[in-house]
Amino acid sequence: MGACRSSSGSECCFVLCVQSSFLSFAELFVFMMDGGRRRRAVATQPPLFDDVLSILDRAVEELQRGMTAAGAGRSTDREKTAISRFIVIIVHLIALASRVAGTDDSRHRLRAATYSVVRMNPRGTSRRTPLHMACSSETTDVGRYPVARFPDAGAIGALLDAGADIDAFDADRNTALHTAARCRPVKPDVIQLLLVRGAHPDITNSKRESAQQLLESGGNGVSLHSVVPPARHTSLQCLAARAITTHDIAYHGYVPRRLEAFILLH
């Protein structure tokens, strides 16, 4: 799975060469987990955690190489798309690893591997973070054979344990909670997980939509009250910031700058 060079000399196209190999490993692992049930009964042994982690570690190394080769702001659209898909595959591998991490030691090693991803701060299409991808139903469709179903609580938990920024924005100022709130059918366990881990339900995106509004929108939306008691996840600071923005109260120069940034989130 060595890197290859394009005619232009860029090494970033390695992603196109190796991502299918990592996806094949992921598909093989889930086939082993399922015992071939999706096609025909096959006697298989579940993959060992060490096997999944070794592939995840190698994928992270290749992603680092590709991001370094691409350079800040110098990669082509084709290379950006390829890297974005590679990040999706890594999120699938994290989801699989979380399913077979049955001991404290394996969970610690998974956290270390996932931290290697988080510290790179890779961004996919529309500047989505790995956490955004773990919260999106679109991440499910990656290859011929379904690997994991997203949103995936295991992948989300692993990324948050490794220090992923739960309120990071994509290009449209959506947080991971915005992304999860759009999924249909709604996955209450994922919404609960994000809120318990500190996500703000009232942060608004570029369209001034909060995650709570997205969760409750449409004929198949659900009320936040049916998932969690909202009061548990709404601070007085959030209520004050929301009142300021709702009533268009002037605050620039009257509050510390860090509070200005907090108010802007609402």
Protein backbone atom coordinates (compact mmCIF):
# COMPACT_ATOMS: atom_id res chain seq x y z
CA MET A 1 0.00 0.00 0.00
CA GLY A 2 2.80 2.39 -0.84
CA ALA A 3 2.22 5.89 -2.08
CA CYS A 4 2.03 6.61 -5.80
CA ARG A 5 2.84 9.76 -7.75
CA SER A 6 0.66 11.65 -10.17
CA SER A 7 2.03 13.07 -13.40
CA SER A 8 2.15 16.47 -11.74
CA GLY A 9 4.48 15.09 -9.05
CA SER A 10 1.98 15.44 -6.23
CA GLU A 11 2.00 12.53 -3.80
CA CYS A 12 -1.48 13.33 -2.54
CA CYS A 13 -3.05 11.05 -5.12
CA PHE A 14 -1.80 8.16 -2.98
CA VAL A 15 -5.19 8.37 -1.30
CA LEU A 16 -6.87 7.20 -4.49
CA CYS A 17 -4.47 4.23 -4.63
CA VAL A 18 -4.73 2.99 -1.05
CA GLN A 19 -8.19 3.97 0.22
CA SER A 20 -9.82 1.01 -1.54
CA SER A 21 -7.42 -1.33 0.28
CA PHE A 22 -8.39 0.04 3.69
CA LEU A 23 -12.07 -0.09 2.76
CA SER A 24 -11.65 -3.74 1.76
CA PHE A 25 -10.17 -4.50 5.17
CA ALA A 26 -13.11 -2.77 6.86
CA GLU A 27 -15.59 -4.73 4.74
CA LEU A 28 -13.78 -7.97 5.58
CA PHE A 29 -13.87 -7.21 9.30
CA VAL A 30 -17.61 -6.53 9.32
CA PHE A 31 -18.20 -9.65 7.22
CA MET A 32 -16.37 -11.63 9.90
CA MET A 33 -18.43 -9.97 12.63
CA ASP A 34 -21.69 -10.81 10.85
CA GLY A 35 -20.69 -14.35 10.00
CA GLY A 36 -21.72 -13.73 6.41
CA ARG A 37 -25.38 -13.29 7.36
CA ARG A 38 -25.94 -10.58 4.76
CA ARG A 39 -25.21 -12.99 1.93
CA ARG A 40 -25.07 -16.59 3.07
CA ALA A 41 -24.16 -18.36 6.26
CA VAL A 42 -20.39 -18.67 6.58
CA ALA A 43 -18.45 -19.96 9.57
CA THR A 44 -16.20 -17.04 10.56
CA GLN A 45 -14.37 -15.85 13.65
CA PRO A 46 -14.85 -12.24 14.77
CA PRO A 47 -11.80 -10.09 14.03
CA LEU A 48 -9.37 -9.52 16.85
CA PHE A 49 -9.06 -6.01 18.22
CA ASP A 50 -5.33 -6.04 17.40
CA ASP A 51 -6.12 -6.73 13.75
CA VAL A 52 -8.57 -3.84 13.45
CA LEU A 53 -6.30 -1.47 15.37
CA SER A 54 -3.27 -2.28 13.20
CA ILE A 55 -5.24 -1.35 10.07
CA LEU A 56 -6.54 1.81 11.76
CA ASP A 57 -3.00 2.82 12.76
CA ARG A 58 -1.75 2.32 9.20
CA ALA A 59 -4.67 4.28 7.78
CA VAL A 60 -3.91 7.18 10.13
CA GLU A 61 -0.28 7.16 8.98
CA GLU A 62 -1.35 7.28 5.34
CA LEU A 63 -3.80 10.10 6.03
CA GLN A 64 -1.03 12.10 7.69
CA ARG A 65 1.18 11.52 4.67
CA GLY A 66 -1.55 12.61 2.30
CA MET A 67 -2.38 15.77 4.26
CA THR A 68 1.30 16.69 4.43
CA ALA A 69 1.72 16.14 0.70
CA ALA A 70 -1.39 18.13 -0.12
CA GLY A 71 -0.18 21.16 1.81
CA ALA A 72 -2.33 23.89 3.28
CA GLY A 73 -4.64 25.26 0.60
CA ARG A 74 -2.68 23.77 -2.31
CA SER A 75 -4.55 20.52 -2.95
CA THR A 76 -6.84 20.09 -5.96
CA ASP A 77 -10.58 19.46 -5.68
CA ARG A 78 -9.97 15.85 -6.70
CA GLU A 79 -7.42 15.38 -3.93
CA LYS A 80 -9.67 17.06 -1.36
CA THR A 81 -12.52 14.71 -2.29
CA ALA A 82 -10.22 11.70 -2.04
CA ILE A 83 -8.92 12.77 1.38
CA SER A 84 -12.49 13.38 2.57
CA ARG A 85 -13.47 9.85 1.56
CA PHE A 86 -10.38 8.51 3.29
CA ILE A 87 -11.43 10.26 6.52
CA VAL A 88 -14.83 8.58 6.19
CA ILE A 89 -13.13 5.18 5.92
CA ILE A 90 -11.07 5.94 9.05
CA VAL A 91 -14.27 6.84 10.93
CA HIS A 92 -15.67 3.45 9.87
CA LEU A 93 -12.54 1.74 11.22
CA ILE A 94 -12.92 3.63 14.52
CA ALA A 95 -16.54 2.43 14.72
CA LEU A 96 -15.46 -1.17 14.09
CA ALA A 97 -12.63 -0.95 16.62
CA SER A 98 -15.02 0.36 19.27
CA ARG A 99 -17.23 -2.70 18.72
CA VAL A 100 -14.40 -5.15 19.49
CA ALA A 101 -12.61 -3.13 22.19
CA GLY A 102 -13.72 -5.33 25.07
CA THR A 103 -11.09 -4.51 27.70
CA ASP A 104 -9.80 -1.39 29.42
CA ASP A 105 -6.45 -1.89 27.71
CA SER A 106 -7.98 -2.09 24.23
CA ARG A 107 -10.14 0.96 24.89
CA HIS A 108 -7.03 2.87 26.02
CA ARG A 109 -5.19 1.88 22.84
CA LEU A 110 -8.18 2.87 20.72
CA ARG A 111 -8.23 6.26 22.44
CA ALA A 112 -4.55 6.75 21.63
CA ALA A 113 -5.08 5.83 17.97
CA THR A 114 -8.12 8.08 17.72
CA TYR A 115 -6.19 10.93 19.33
CA SER A 116 -3.74 10.68 16.43
CA VAL A 117 -6.67 11.47 14.13
CA VAL A 118 -8.09 14.26 16.30
CA ARG A 119 -4.78 16.11 16.67
CA MET A 120 -4.40 16.28 12.86
CA ASN A 121 -7.77 18.07 12.71
CA PRO A 122 -8.53 16.66 9.25
CA ARG A 123 -11.39 18.28 7.39
CA GLY A 124 -13.54 16.63 4.75
CA THR A 125 -16.09 17.98 2.31
CA SER A 126 -17.70 21.20 3.59
CA ARG A 127 -15.00 21.26 6.29
CA ARG A 128 -16.63 18.45 8.23
CA THR A 129 -14.61 16.96 11.07
CA PRO A 130 -14.44 13.22 11.81
CA LEU A 131 -16.99 13.88 14.57
CA HIS A 132 -19.40 15.44 12.06
CA MET A 133 -18.97 12.34 9.92
CA ALA A 134 -19.58 9.99 12.85
CA CYS A 135 -22.87 11.84 13.46
CA SER A 136 -24.06 11.76 9.83
CA SER A 137 -26.21 9.09 8.20
CA GLU A 138 -24.46 9.93 4.90
CA THR A 139 -21.29 8.31 6.27
CA THR A 140 -22.97 4.89 6.06
CA ASP A 141 -22.66 4.76 2.27
CA VAL A 142 -18.97 4.25 1.59
CA GLY A 143 -18.53 1.00 -0.36
CA ARG A 144 -20.12 -2.10 -1.83
CA TYR A 145 -20.69 -3.77 1.51
CA PRO A 146 -22.17 -1.83 4.46
CA VAL A 147 -19.53 -1.44 7.14
CA ALA A 148 -21.20 0.53 9.94
CA ARG A 149 -24.50 2.35 10.35
CA PHE A 150 -24.22 6.01 11.20
CA PRO A 151 -24.68 7.95 13.37
CA ASP A 152 -22.55 5.52 15.40
CA ALA A 153 -22.38 5.99 19.16
CA GLY A 154 -19.18 3.95 19.44
CA ALA A 155 -17.28 6.12 16.97
CA ILE A 156 -18.70 9.29 18.51
CA GLY A 157 -17.66 8.22 22.00
CA ALA A 158 -14.17 7.23 20.84
CA LEU A 159 -13.64 10.60 19.14
CA LEU A 160 -14.89 12.55 22.16
CA ASP A 161 -12.74 10.45 24.52
CA ALA A 162 -9.77 11.41 22.34
CA GLY A 163 -10.52 15.12 22.71
CA ALA A 164 -12.56 15.96 19.61
CA ASP A 165 -14.11 19.44 19.80
CA ILE A 166 -17.80 18.75 20.29
CA ASP A 167 -18.83 22.24 19.13
CA ALA A 168 -16.54 22.51 16.10
CA PHE A 169 -18.18 24.09 13.04
CA ASP A 170 -18.30 22.86 9.47
CA ALA A 171 -18.44 25.31 6.54
CA ASP A 172 -22.08 26.12 7.36
CA ARG A 173 -21.49 26.55 11.10
CA ASN A 174 -23.14 23.21 11.87
CA THR A 175 -21.91 21.38 14.95
CA ALA A 176 -21.93 17.61 15.34
CA LEU A 177 -25.25 17.96 17.18
CA HIS A 178 -26.75 19.81 14.18
CA THR A 179 -25.61 16.94 11.98
CA ALA A 180 -27.09 14.26 14.25
CA ALA A 181 -30.34 16.22 14.63
CA ARG A 182 -30.89 16.10 10.86
CA CYS A 183 -30.77 12.29 10.72
CA ARG A 184 -34.01 10.44 10.12
CA PRO A 185 -35.06 8.35 11.85
CA VAL A 186 -33.78 10.25 14.86
CA LYS A 187 -31.36 8.28 17.06
CA PRO A 188 -32.17 9.41 20.61
CA ASP A 189 -29.13 7.62 22.08
CA VAL A 190 -26.80 9.69 19.88
CA ILE A 191 -28.55 12.96 20.79
CA GLN A 192 -28.36 12.03 24.47
CA LEU A 193 -24.67 11.11 24.18
CA LEU A 194 -23.74 14.43 22.58
CA LEU A 195 -25.73 16.46 25.10
CA VAL A 196 -24.31 14.56 28.07
CA ARG A 197 -20.81 15.16 26.70
CA GLY A 198 -21.42 18.92 26.57
CA ALA A 199 -22.96 19.82 23.20
CA HIS A 200 -25.02 23.02 23.16
CA PRO A 201 -28.53 22.46 21.72
CA ASP A 202 -29.10 26.18 21.10
CA ILE A 203 -25.99 27.06 19.07
CA THR A 204 -27.19 28.31 15.68
CA ASN A 205 -25.72 27.60 12.26
CA SER A 206 -25.32 30.01 9.34
CA LYS A 207 -29.09 29.79 8.71
CA ARG A 208 -29.77 30.68 12.35
CA GLU A 209 -31.07 27.15 12.98
CA SER A 210 -30.40 25.45 16.29
CA ALA A 211 -29.95 21.71 16.67
CA GLN A 212 -33.18 21.63 18.64
CA GLN A 213 -35.06 23.20 15.74
CA LEU A 214 -33.58 20.70 13.28
CA LEU A 215 -34.44 17.81 15.59
CA GLU A 216 -38.07 18.88 15.80
CA SER A 217 -38.54 19.89 12.14
CA GLY A 218 -40.48 17.92 9.56
CA GLY A 219 -43.22 15.34 9.90
CA ASN A 220 -40.84 12.74 11.31
CA GLY A 221 -39.01 15.01 13.73
CA VAL A 222 -39.16 14.50 17.48
CA SER A 223 -39.40 16.89 20.39
CA LEU A 224 -36.22 17.45 22.36
CA HIS A 225 -38.35 16.94 25.48
CA SER A 226 -39.00 13.35 24.37
CA VAL A 227 -35.24 12.68 24.19
CA VAL A 228 -33.85 14.54 27.22
CA PRO A 229 -35.05 17.15 29.70
CA PRO A 230 -33.79 20.34 27.94
CA ALA A 231 -33.29 22.19 31.24
CA ARG A 232 -30.46 19.81 32.12
CA HIS A 233 -28.48 20.94 29.11
CA THR A 234 -29.27 24.67 29.05
CA SER A 235 -27.24 27.01 31.23
CA LEU A 236 -28.17 30.50 32.40
CA GLN A 237 -25.42 31.79 30.13
CA CYS A 238 -27.12 30.19 27.14
CA LEU A 239 -30.50 31.64 28.10
CA ALA A 240 -28.98 35.11 28.52
CA ALA A 241 -27.14 34.88 25.18
CA ARG A 242 -30.32 33.74 23.43
CA ALA A 243 -32.28 36.66 24.91
CA ILE A 244 -29.62 39.12 23.73
CA THR A 245 -29.67 37.83 20.14
CA THR A 246 -33.47 37.41 20.02
CA HIS A 247 -34.12 41.00 21.11
CA ASP A 248 -31.14 42.44 19.18
CA ILE A 249 -29.61 44.00 22.29
CA ALA A 250 -26.35 45.86 21.70
CA TYR A 251 -23.50 44.17 23.51
CA HIS A 252 -20.29 44.87 21.54
CA GLY A 253 -17.89 46.72 23.80
CA TYR A 254 -20.07 46.15 26.85
CA VAL A 255 -19.04 42.57 27.63
CA PRO A 256 -15.63 40.83 27.55
CA ARG A 257 -14.56 39.57 24.11
CA ARG A 258 -14.80 35.93 25.13
CA LEU A 259 -18.45 36.54 26.01
CA GLU A 260 -19.00 38.27 22.66
CA ALA A 261 -17.88 35.08 20.94
CA PHE A 262 -20.21 33.04 23.16
CA ILE A 263 -23.18 35.29 22.34
CA LEU A 264 -22.44 35.00 18.63
CA LEU A 265 -22.89 31.23 18.90
CA HIS A 266 -26.52 31.77 19.79
